[in-house]
Amino acid sequence: MRPEEIYNEDTYVGDRYGVMTPACREALKLVAKTEAIILDPVYTSKAMAGLIDHIRRKKIAENQTVVFLHTGGTPALFAYAEDLALAP
């Protein structure tokens, strides 16, 4: 792959680092529910929100191959438990 073939954007970052977006929250819960994969609420959920949006808007075709790198996430959930309505 050549550098010019890589597409990168920051549209899904939100207001600032560490602040969840509604799309990020939706992505985290959707992937947990449908795939049993835990995403972190700071990085990976925002990236997944972007991927989901691109699929929904047909920016990614059904026949395209997508590689999503999941870099972890379980420990960060504890810091965001209240925001995710996971706290007792």
N, C-alpha and C. Protein backbone atom coordinates (compact mmCIF):
# COMPACT_ATOMS: atom_id res chain seq x y z
N MET A 1 0.85 -1.17 0.00
CA MET A 1 0.00 0.00 0.00
C MET A 1 0.90 1.24 0.00
N ARG A 2 0.50 2.20 -0.78
CA ARG A 2 1.23 3.46 -0.87
C ARG A 2 0.60 4.49 0.09
N PRO A 3 1.39 5.42 0.60
CA PRO A 3 0.86 6.43 1.54
C PRO A 3 -0.36 7.17 1.01
N GLU A 4 -0.40 7.48 -0.27
CA GLU A 4 -1.54 8.21 -0.83
C GLU A 4 -2.82 7.37 -0.86
N GLU A 5 -2.71 6.08 -0.61
CA GLU A 5 -3.89 5.22 -0.58
C GLU A 5 -4.53 5.17 0.81
N ILE A 6 -3.90 5.73 1.79
CA ILE A 6 -4.41 5.72 3.16
C ILE A 6 -5.29 6.94 3.37
N TYR A 7 -6.49 6.70 3.87
CA TYR A 7 -7.44 7.77 4.13
C TYR A 7 -7.51 7.97 5.64
N ASN A 8 -7.40 9.20 6.07
CA ASN A 8 -7.44 9.50 7.50
C ASN A 8 -8.24 10.78 7.72
N GLU A 9 -9.09 10.79 8.72
CA GLU A 9 -9.83 12.01 9.06
C GLU A 9 -10.07 12.05 10.57
N ASP A 10 -10.38 13.23 11.07
CA ASP A 10 -10.60 13.38 12.52
C ASP A 10 -12.03 13.81 12.85
N THR A 11 -12.94 13.58 11.93
CA THR A 11 -14.33 14.00 12.08
C THR A 11 -15.00 13.41 13.32
N TYR A 12 -14.60 12.24 13.73
CA TYR A 12 -15.31 11.51 14.79
C TYR A 12 -14.66 11.67 16.17
N VAL A 13 -13.69 12.55 16.28
CA VAL A 13 -12.99 12.75 17.55
C VAL A 13 -13.90 13.40 18.59
N GLY A 14 -14.73 14.31 18.16
CA GLY A 14 -15.62 15.01 19.09
C GLY A 14 -15.00 16.28 19.61
N ASP A 15 -15.52 16.76 20.73
CA ASP A 15 -15.07 18.03 21.30
C ASP A 15 -13.61 18.03 21.73
N ARG A 16 -13.22 16.95 22.39
CA ARG A 16 -11.84 16.87 22.86
C ARG A 16 -11.52 15.46 23.35
N TYR A 17 -10.26 15.24 23.63
CA TYR A 17 -9.78 13.96 24.11
C TYR A 17 -10.50 13.56 25.40
N GLY A 18 -10.85 12.31 25.49
CA GLY A 18 -11.42 11.78 26.72
C GLY A 18 -12.89 12.07 26.93
N VAL A 19 -13.51 12.79 26.01
CA VAL A 19 -14.94 13.09 26.13
C VAL A 19 -15.69 12.23 25.13
N MET A 20 -16.57 11.40 25.64
CA MET A 20 -17.33 10.50 24.76
C MET A 20 -18.32 11.30 23.92
N THR A 21 -18.56 10.79 22.72
CA THR A 21 -19.57 11.38 21.84
C THR A 21 -20.77 10.43 21.81
N PRO A 22 -21.94 10.90 21.43
CA PRO A 22 -23.08 9.98 21.31
C PRO A 22 -22.80 8.83 20.34
N ALA A 23 -22.13 9.12 19.23
CA ALA A 23 -21.82 8.06 18.26
C ALA A 23 -20.83 7.06 18.83
N CYS A 24 -19.88 7.54 19.62
CA CYS A 24 -18.90 6.67 20.27
C CYS A 24 -19.61 5.73 21.26
N ARG A 25 -20.52 6.29 22.03
CA ARG A 25 -21.29 5.50 23.00
C ARG A 25 -22.12 4.44 22.29
N GLU A 26 -22.76 4.83 21.19
CA GLU A 26 -23.56 3.88 20.42
C GLU A 26 -22.69 2.76 19.86
N ALA A 27 -21.53 3.10 19.31
CA ALA A 27 -20.63 2.10 18.74
C ALA A 27 -20.16 1.12 19.81
N LEU A 28 -19.77 1.63 20.96
CA LEU A 28 -19.30 0.78 22.05
C LEU A 28 -20.37 -0.23 22.44
N LYS A 29 -21.59 0.24 22.62
CA LYS A 29 -22.68 -0.65 23.04
C LYS A 29 -23.10 -1.61 21.92
N LEU A 30 -23.12 -1.14 20.67
CA LEU A 30 -23.50 -1.99 19.55
C LEU A 30 -22.52 -3.14 19.36
N VAL A 31 -21.22 -2.83 19.39
CA VAL A 31 -20.21 -3.87 19.19
C VAL A 31 -20.18 -4.84 20.36
N ALA A 32 -20.37 -4.34 21.57
CA ALA A 32 -20.43 -5.23 22.73
C ALA A 32 -21.62 -6.18 22.63
N LYS A 33 -22.75 -5.64 22.22
CA LYS A 33 -23.97 -6.44 22.15
C LYS A 33 -23.96 -7.43 20.99
N THR A 34 -23.48 -7.01 19.83
CA THR A 34 -23.57 -7.88 18.64
C THR A 34 -22.36 -8.76 18.43
N GLU A 35 -21.18 -8.33 18.91
CA GLU A 35 -19.95 -9.07 18.64
C GLU A 35 -19.23 -9.54 19.90
N ALA A 36 -19.70 -9.13 21.07
CA ALA A 36 -19.06 -9.45 22.35
C ALA A 36 -17.61 -8.96 22.37
N ILE A 37 -17.41 -7.78 21.78
CA ILE A 37 -16.08 -7.15 21.78
C ILE A 37 -16.19 -5.85 22.58
N ILE A 38 -15.27 -5.68 23.52
CA ILE A 38 -15.26 -4.47 24.34
C ILE A 38 -14.30 -3.46 23.71
N LEU A 39 -14.80 -2.29 23.41
CA LEU A 39 -14.00 -1.20 22.87
C LEU A 39 -13.74 -0.19 23.98
N ASP A 40 -12.63 0.53 23.88
CA ASP A 40 -12.42 1.57 24.88
C ASP A 40 -13.19 2.82 24.46
N PRO A 41 -13.63 3.62 25.44
CA PRO A 41 -14.46 4.79 25.14
C PRO A 41 -13.68 6.02 24.69
N VAL A 42 -12.37 5.96 24.63
CA VAL A 42 -11.59 7.12 24.25
C VAL A 42 -11.13 7.04 22.79
N TYR A 43 -10.53 5.95 22.39
CA TYR A 43 -9.99 5.83 21.05
C TYR A 43 -10.82 4.91 20.15
N THR A 44 -10.89 3.66 20.55
CA THR A 44 -11.44 2.63 19.68
C THR A 44 -12.92 2.83 19.38
N SER A 45 -13.70 3.27 20.35
CA SER A 45 -15.12 3.50 20.10
C SER A 45 -15.35 4.64 19.12
N LYS A 46 -14.52 5.67 19.20
CA LYS A 46 -14.64 6.78 18.25
C LYS A 46 -14.26 6.32 16.85
N ALA A 47 -13.22 5.51 16.75
CA ALA A 47 -12.84 4.97 15.44
C ALA A 47 -13.93 4.06 14.88
N MET A 48 -14.51 3.22 15.74
CA MET A 48 -15.59 2.34 15.30
C MET A 48 -16.82 3.15 14.91
N ALA A 49 -17.10 4.23 15.61
CA ALA A 49 -18.23 5.10 15.25
C ALA A 49 -18.02 5.63 13.83
N GLY A 50 -16.80 6.00 13.50
CA GLY A 50 -16.49 6.46 12.15
C GLY A 50 -16.69 5.36 11.13
N LEU A 51 -16.22 4.16 11.44
CA LEU A 51 -16.39 3.03 10.52
C LEU A 51 -17.87 2.73 10.30
N ILE A 52 -18.64 2.69 11.37
CA ILE A 52 -20.08 2.43 11.25
C ILE A 52 -20.76 3.50 10.40
N ASP A 53 -20.40 4.76 10.64
CA ASP A 53 -20.98 5.85 9.86
C ASP A 53 -20.61 5.74 8.39
N HIS A 54 -19.38 5.40 8.11
CA HIS A 54 -18.96 5.24 6.71
C HIS A 54 -19.72 4.10 6.03
N ILE A 55 -19.96 3.03 6.75
CA ILE A 55 -20.74 1.92 6.19
C ILE A 55 -22.18 2.35 5.96
N ARG A 56 -22.77 3.00 6.94
CA ARG A 56 -24.16 3.45 6.80
C ARG A 56 -24.33 4.44 5.66
N ARG A 57 -23.34 5.30 5.45
CA ARG A 57 -23.42 6.30 4.39
C ARG A 57 -22.91 5.78 3.05
N LYS A 58 -22.56 4.49 3.04
CA LYS A 58 -22.09 3.81 1.83
C LYS A 58 -20.78 4.38 1.29
N LYS A 59 -19.96 4.94 2.19
CA LYS A 59 -18.63 5.36 1.80
C LYS A 59 -17.71 4.15 1.70
N ILE A 60 -18.14 3.05 2.32
CA ILE A 60 -17.45 1.77 2.22
C ILE A 60 -18.43 0.81 1.56
N ALA A 61 -18.04 0.24 0.45
CA ALA A 61 -18.90 -0.66 -0.30
C ALA A 61 -18.96 -2.04 0.35
N GLU A 62 -20.03 -2.75 0.07
CA GLU A 62 -20.21 -4.09 0.64
C GLU A 62 -19.09 -5.04 0.27
N ASN A 63 -18.50 -4.85 -0.89
CA ASN A 63 -17.46 -5.78 -1.35
C ASN A 63 -16.05 -5.33 -0.95
N GLN A 64 -15.93 -4.24 -0.21
CA GLN A 64 -14.62 -3.77 0.23
C GLN A 64 -14.18 -4.51 1.47
N THR A 65 -12.89 -4.72 1.57
CA THR A 65 -12.30 -5.35 2.75
C THR A 65 -11.86 -4.25 3.71
N VAL A 66 -12.24 -4.39 4.97
CA VAL A 66 -11.89 -3.42 6.00
C VAL A 66 -11.11 -4.15 7.09
N VAL A 67 -10.01 -3.58 7.49
CA VAL A 67 -9.24 -4.10 8.61
C VAL A 67 -9.35 -3.07 9.73
N PHE A 68 -9.92 -3.47 10.85
CA PHE A 68 -10.07 -2.58 12.00
C PHE A 68 -9.13 -3.08 13.09
N LEU A 69 -8.21 -2.24 13.51
CA LEU A 69 -7.26 -2.63 14.55
C LEU A 69 -7.80 -2.24 15.91
N HIS A 70 -8.08 -3.24 16.71
CA HIS A 70 -8.59 -3.02 18.07
C HIS A 70 -7.39 -3.02 19.01
N THR A 71 -7.20 -1.92 19.72
CA THR A 71 -6.00 -1.79 20.54
C THR A 71 -6.24 -1.99 22.04
N GLY A 72 -7.38 -2.54 22.40
CA GLY A 72 -7.67 -2.78 23.81
C GLY A 72 -8.82 -1.94 24.29
N GLY A 73 -9.12 -2.01 25.58
CA GLY A 73 -10.20 -1.18 26.04
C GLY A 73 -10.81 -1.49 27.38
N THR A 74 -10.72 -2.71 27.84
CA THR A 74 -11.42 -3.08 29.06
C THR A 74 -11.07 -2.21 30.26
N PRO A 75 -9.80 -1.93 30.55
CA PRO A 75 -9.50 -1.11 31.73
C PRO A 75 -10.12 0.29 31.69
N ALA A 76 -10.21 0.89 30.53
CA ALA A 76 -10.75 2.25 30.42
C ALA A 76 -12.24 2.31 30.75
N LEU A 77 -12.94 1.20 30.61
CA LEU A 77 -14.37 1.20 30.90
C LEU A 77 -14.67 1.61 32.33
N PHE A 78 -13.80 1.24 33.27
CA PHE A 78 -14.05 1.55 34.67
C PHE A 78 -14.06 3.06 34.91
N ALA A 79 -13.23 3.79 34.19
CA ALA A 79 -13.18 5.24 34.34
C ALA A 79 -14.42 5.92 33.76
N TYR A 80 -15.11 5.24 32.86
CA TYR A 80 -16.28 5.81 32.19
C TYR A 80 -17.58 5.10 32.57
N ALA A 81 -17.55 4.36 33.65
CA ALA A 81 -18.70 3.56 34.07
C ALA A 81 -19.97 4.41 34.25
N GLU A 82 -19.83 5.56 34.86
CA GLU A 82 -21.01 6.41 35.09
C GLU A 82 -21.55 6.96 33.76
N ASP A 83 -20.66 7.41 32.90
CA ASP A 83 -21.08 7.96 31.61
C ASP A 83 -21.74 6.90 30.73
N LEU A 84 -21.34 5.65 30.91
CA LEU A 84 -21.92 4.55 30.13
C LEU A 84 -23.10 3.89 30.85
N ALA A 85 -23.49 4.43 31.97
CA ALA A 85 -24.57 3.86 32.77
C ALA A 85 -24.25 2.44 33.21
N LEU A 86 -22.98 2.20 33.56
CA LEU A 86 -22.55 0.89 34.03
C LEU A 86 -22.37 0.88 35.55
N ALA A 87 -22.36 2.07 36.14
CA ALA A 87 -22.17 2.17 37.58
C ALA A 87 -23.45 1.78 38.32
N PRO A 88 -23.30 1.16 39.49
CA PRO A 88 -24.49 0.75 40.25
C PRO A 88 -25.29 1.94 40.77
